[in-house]
Each structure stands twice: as structure tokens, then as C-alpha cells.
Amino acid sequence: MKEKKINDVLHTLMSTNSSIEGVALVTSDGLMISSHLAQDMDEDRISAMSAALLSLSERAVEELGKGTPEQVTLKGSNGYIVLTAAGEEAVLTVTTNVSAKLGLIYMDVKNAAKELKSIFGM
């Protein structure tokens, strides 16, 4: 039942904004829970990188006295990667195209993370 709810949230996120190219929900240990990614994307690499980026950002935010991390955004020449905690043990990773309106992406990602947290009972 949880799996269907998670997939529904990820599918809704993908269909909400045409700038979103892929979404993945990953454990904080780097294991894939569920994803909607392009076929040329390696799920194992995405999950490992997502967990590593979130871990590094947590450490940086704490070391610099900025509280707890809420979100990580990376900008590349072909688009953005947005990572957000979805509960204590999961990371929501979203990839977008270069023309993405980040304000809308942030809002959609925040809402999806909130739904995912409720599915996990957090």
C-alpha cells in the first residue's frame, strides 16, 4: 500500500511541472525506494549520489551553524538537481531542464516531500 502511495506522489510531481525531467525517492543510505527517471539514468548512481550530497550538506550546514538542511540545489549547464529530505530516512531528488522556474519547482518539491513524510508517518 505504501509503495502505491509513494509512486502516486512521484507521478503527480512529474506531471505537475513540465520542467521536471525525473524524480527519485532514495533512502539516506543510498538505496532506491522508487523513481521515475529517464531510461539512460543509472538508478544506483542517482541513489548513491543523492545520499552522499544530502549527507555532505547536512555536515556543512551543521558545521557552519546554520541549523538543519532543508534543501540542496545544484545548477548545471543543462538544468538543476534539487534534493530535499522526505522524512528522517529518505531523500527526494528532482532533476529539471534548464528553463525550470525554481520557485515553482521548490513549491512542488516541498509539497511532495510533505506528502511523502506523511506516508512514512513522520
C-alpha atoms as a PDB file:
ATOM      1  CA  MET A   1       0.000   0.000   0.000  1.00  0.00           C
ATOM      2  CA  LYS A   2       2.821   2.426   0.868  1.00  0.00           C
ATOM      3  CA  GLU A   3       4.518   1.646  -2.429  1.00  0.00           C
ATOM      4  CA  LYS A   4       1.453   2.692  -4.427  1.00  0.00           C
ATOM      5  CA  LYS A   5       1.088   5.911  -2.426  1.00  0.00           C
ATOM      6  CA  ILE A   6       4.766   6.744  -2.953  1.00  0.00           C
ATOM      7  CA  ASN A   7       4.517   6.064  -6.682  1.00  0.00           C
ATOM      8  CA  ASP A   8       1.374   8.218  -6.879  1.00  0.00           C
ATOM      9  CA  VAL A   9       3.166  11.149  -5.207  1.00  0.00           C
ATOM     10  CA  LEU A  10       6.174  10.835  -7.537  1.00  0.00           C
ATOM     11  CA  HIS A  11       3.947  10.525 -10.611  1.00  0.00           C
ATOM     12  CA  THR A  12       1.919  13.576  -9.560  1.00  0.00           C
ATOM     13  CA  LEU A  13       5.119  15.562  -9.031  1.00  0.00           C
ATOM     14  CA  MET A  14       6.348  14.609 -12.512  1.00  0.00           C
ATOM     15  CA  SER A  15       3.061  15.565 -14.154  1.00  0.00           C
ATOM     16  CA  THR A  16       2.641  18.820 -12.193  1.00  0.00           C
ATOM     17  CA  ASN A  17       5.511  20.659 -13.839  1.00  0.00           C
ATOM     18  CA  SER A  18       6.730  20.070 -17.388  1.00  0.00           C
ATOM     19  CA  SER A  19      10.233  21.248 -16.416  1.00  0.00           C
ATOM     20  CA  ILE A  20      10.703  18.212 -14.169  1.00  0.00           C
ATOM     21  CA  GLU A  21      12.596  15.503 -16.040  1.00  0.00           C
ATOM     22  CA  GLY A  22      12.984  12.915 -13.299  1.00  0.00           C
ATOM     23  CA  VAL A  23      12.202  12.145  -9.671  1.00  0.00           C
ATOM     24  CA  ALA A  24      13.581   9.602  -7.234  1.00  0.00           C
ATOM     25  CA  LEU A  25      12.999   8.722  -3.614  1.00  0.00           C
ATOM     26  CA  VAL A  26      16.135   7.326  -2.005  1.00  0.00           C
ATOM     27  CA  THR A  27      16.995   6.108   1.488  1.00  0.00           C
ATOM     28  CA  SER A  28      19.549   8.116   3.412  1.00  0.00           C
ATOM     29  CA  ASP A  29      21.814   5.064   2.984  1.00  0.00           C
ATOM     30  CA  GLY A  30      21.660   5.395  -0.802  1.00  0.00           C
ATOM     31  CA  LEU A  31      19.141   2.702  -1.728  1.00  0.00           C
ATOM     32  CA  MET A  32      16.440   3.431  -4.295  1.00  0.00           C
ATOM     33  CA  ILE A  33      12.886   3.327  -2.953  1.00  0.00           C
ATOM     34  CA  SER A  34      11.074   4.436  -6.103  1.00  0.00           C
ATOM     35  CA  SER A  35      11.781   6.526  -9.174  1.00  0.00           C
ATOM     36  CA  HIS A  36      10.515   7.979 -12.400  1.00  0.00           C
ATOM     37  CA  LEU A  37      13.770   8.606 -14.269  1.00  0.00           C
ATOM     38  CA  ALA A  38      14.821   8.677 -17.905  1.00  0.00           C
ATOM     39  CA  GLN A  39      15.955   5.267 -19.102  1.00  0.00           C
ATOM     40  CA  ASP A  40      19.525   6.446 -19.646  1.00  0.00           C
ATOM     41  CA  MET A  41      19.889   7.360 -15.943  1.00  0.00           C
ATOM     42  CA  ASP A  42      21.527   4.768 -13.687  1.00  0.00           C
ATOM     43  CA  GLU A  43      19.330   4.343 -10.589  1.00  0.00           C
ATOM     44  CA  ASP A  44      22.214   3.046  -8.480  1.00  0.00           C
ATOM     45  CA  ARG A  45      24.349   6.078  -9.251  1.00  0.00           C
ATOM     46  CA  ILE A  46      21.473   8.501  -8.690  1.00  0.00           C
ATOM     47  CA  SER A  47      20.641   6.955  -5.324  1.00  0.00           C
ATOM     48  CA  ALA A  48      24.257   6.876  -4.134  1.00  0.00           C
ATOM     49  CA  MET A  49      24.934  10.463  -5.230  1.00  0.00           C
ATOM     50  CA  SER A  50      21.696  11.705  -3.652  1.00  0.00           C
ATOM     51  CA  ALA A  51      22.548  10.187  -0.289  1.00  0.00           C
ATOM     52  CA  ALA A  52      26.131  11.471  -0.446  1.00  0.00           C
ATOM     53  CA  LEU A  53      25.048  15.010  -1.368  1.00  0.00           C
ATOM     54  CA  LEU A  54      22.487  15.160   1.415  1.00  0.00           C
ATOM     55  CA  SER A  55      24.990  13.798   3.935  1.00  0.00           C
ATOM     56  CA  LEU A  56      27.626  16.332   2.899  1.00  0.00           C
ATOM     57  CA  SER A  57      25.123  19.194   3.016  1.00  0.00           C
ATOM     58  CA  GLU A  58      23.973  18.150   6.498  1.00  0.00           C
ATOM     59  CA  ARG A  59      27.537  18.233   7.716  1.00  0.00           C
ATOM     60  CA  ALA A  60      28.271  21.604   6.099  1.00  0.00           C
ATOM     61  CA  VAL A  61      25.124  23.246   7.451  1.00  0.00           C
ATOM     62  CA  GLU A  62      25.757  21.936  10.955  1.00  0.00           C
ATOM     63  CA  GLU A  63      29.472  22.871  10.932  1.00  0.00           C
ATOM     64  CA  LEU A  64      28.634  26.400   9.809  1.00  0.00           C
ATOM     65  CA  GLY A  65      25.931  26.770  12.438  1.00  0.00           C
ATOM     66  CA  LYS A  66      23.019  27.144  10.027  1.00  0.00           C
ATOM     67  CA  GLY A  67      20.674  24.645  11.679  1.00  0.00           C
ATOM     68  CA  THR A  68      19.428  21.654   9.752  1.00  0.00           C
ATOM     69  CA  PRO A  69      19.495  21.439   5.966  1.00  0.00           C
ATOM     70  CA  GLU A  70      16.180  21.740   4.200  1.00  0.00           C
ATOM     71  CA  GLN A  71      17.197  21.600   0.576  1.00  0.00           C
ATOM     72  CA  VAL A  72      20.153  21.321  -1.769  1.00  0.00           C
ATOM     73  CA  THR A  73      20.087  22.801  -5.264  1.00  0.00           C
ATOM     74  CA  LEU A  74      22.746  22.173  -7.887  1.00  0.00           C
ATOM     75  CA  LYS A  75      22.811  24.100 -11.132  1.00  0.00           C
ATOM     76  CA  GLY A  76      24.376  22.567 -14.198  1.00  0.00           C
ATOM     77  CA  SER A  77      24.571  23.869 -17.749  1.00  0.00           C
ATOM     78  CA  ASN A  78      21.649  21.610 -18.732  1.00  0.00           C
ATOM     79  CA  GLY A  79      19.391  22.031 -15.692  1.00  0.00           C
ATOM     80  CA  TYR A  80      19.011  21.681 -11.971  1.00  0.00           C
ATOM     81  CA  ILE A  81      19.065  18.965  -9.338  1.00  0.00           C
ATOM     82  CA  VAL A  82      17.017  19.611  -6.203  1.00  0.00           C
ATOM     83  CA  LEU A  83      17.345  17.369  -3.148  1.00  0.00           C
ATOM     84  CA  THR A  84      15.013  17.587  -0.175  1.00  0.00           C
ATOM     85  CA  ALA A  85      14.643  15.442   2.923  1.00  0.00           C
ATOM     86  CA  ALA A  86      11.405  13.459   2.878  1.00  0.00           C
ATOM     87  CA  GLY A  87      11.371  12.294   6.468  1.00  0.00           C
ATOM     88  CA  GLU A  88      14.362  11.269   8.507  1.00  0.00           C
ATOM     89  CA  GLU A  89      15.355   8.351   6.322  1.00  0.00           C
ATOM     90  CA  ALA A  90      14.556   9.435   2.761  1.00  0.00           C
ATOM     91  CA  VAL A  91      15.739  11.936   0.164  1.00  0.00           C
ATOM     92  CA  LEU A  92      13.573  13.267  -2.661  1.00  0.00           C
ATOM     93  CA  THR A  93      15.700  14.011  -5.734  1.00  0.00           C
ATOM     94  CA  VAL A  94      14.292  16.002  -8.645  1.00  0.00           C
ATOM     95  CA  THR A  95      16.014  16.799 -11.937  1.00  0.00           C
ATOM     96  CA  THR A  96      14.804  19.622 -14.186  1.00  0.00           C
ATOM     97  CA  ASN A  97      15.583  21.201 -17.509  1.00  0.00           C
ATOM     98  CA  VAL A  98      17.487  24.461 -17.776  1.00  0.00           C
ATOM     99  CA  SER A  99      14.353  26.605 -18.228  1.00  0.00           C
ATOM    100  CA  ALA A 100      12.780  25.487 -14.945  1.00  0.00           C
ATOM    101  CA  LYS A 101      11.206  28.181 -12.786  1.00  0.00           C
ATOM    102  CA  LEU A 102      12.854  27.348  -9.475  1.00  0.00           C
ATOM    103  CA  GLY A 103      10.200  28.989  -7.300  1.00  0.00           C
ATOM    104  CA  LEU A 104       7.552  26.678  -8.717  1.00  0.00           C
ATOM    105  CA  ILE A 105       9.873  23.683  -8.529  1.00  0.00           C
ATOM    106  CA  TYR A 106      10.639  24.414  -4.869  1.00  0.00           C
ATOM    107  CA  MET A 107       6.939  24.692  -4.054  1.00  0.00           C
ATOM    108  CA  ASP A 108       6.081  21.432  -5.848  1.00  0.00           C
ATOM    109  CA  VAL A 109       9.016  19.592  -4.248  1.00  0.00           C
ATOM    110  CA  LYS A 110       8.120  20.896  -0.781  1.00  0.00           C
ATOM    111  CA  ASN A 111       4.518  19.703  -1.164  1.00  0.00           C
ATOM    112  CA  ALA A 112       5.618  16.284  -2.432  1.00  0.00           C
ATOM    113  CA  ALA A 113       8.132  15.895   0.433  1.00  0.00           C
ATOM    114  CA  LYS A 114       5.393  16.759   2.909  1.00  0.00           C
ATOM    115  CA  GLU A 115       3.114  14.078   1.427  1.00  0.00           C
ATOM    116  CA  LEU A 116       5.926  11.522   1.483  1.00  0.00           C
ATOM    117  CA  LYS A 117       6.674  12.308   5.126  1.00  0.00           C
ATOM    118  CA  SER A 118       3.038  11.624   5.985  1.00  0.00           C
ATOM    119  CA  ILE A 119       3.185   8.272   4.157  1.00  0.00           C
ATOM    120  CA  PHE A 120       6.181   7.309   6.302  1.00  0.00           C
ATOM    121  CA  GLY A 121       4.336   8.526   9.406  1.00  0.00           C
ATOM    122  CA  MET A 122       6.739  11.355  10.248  1.00  0.00           C
END
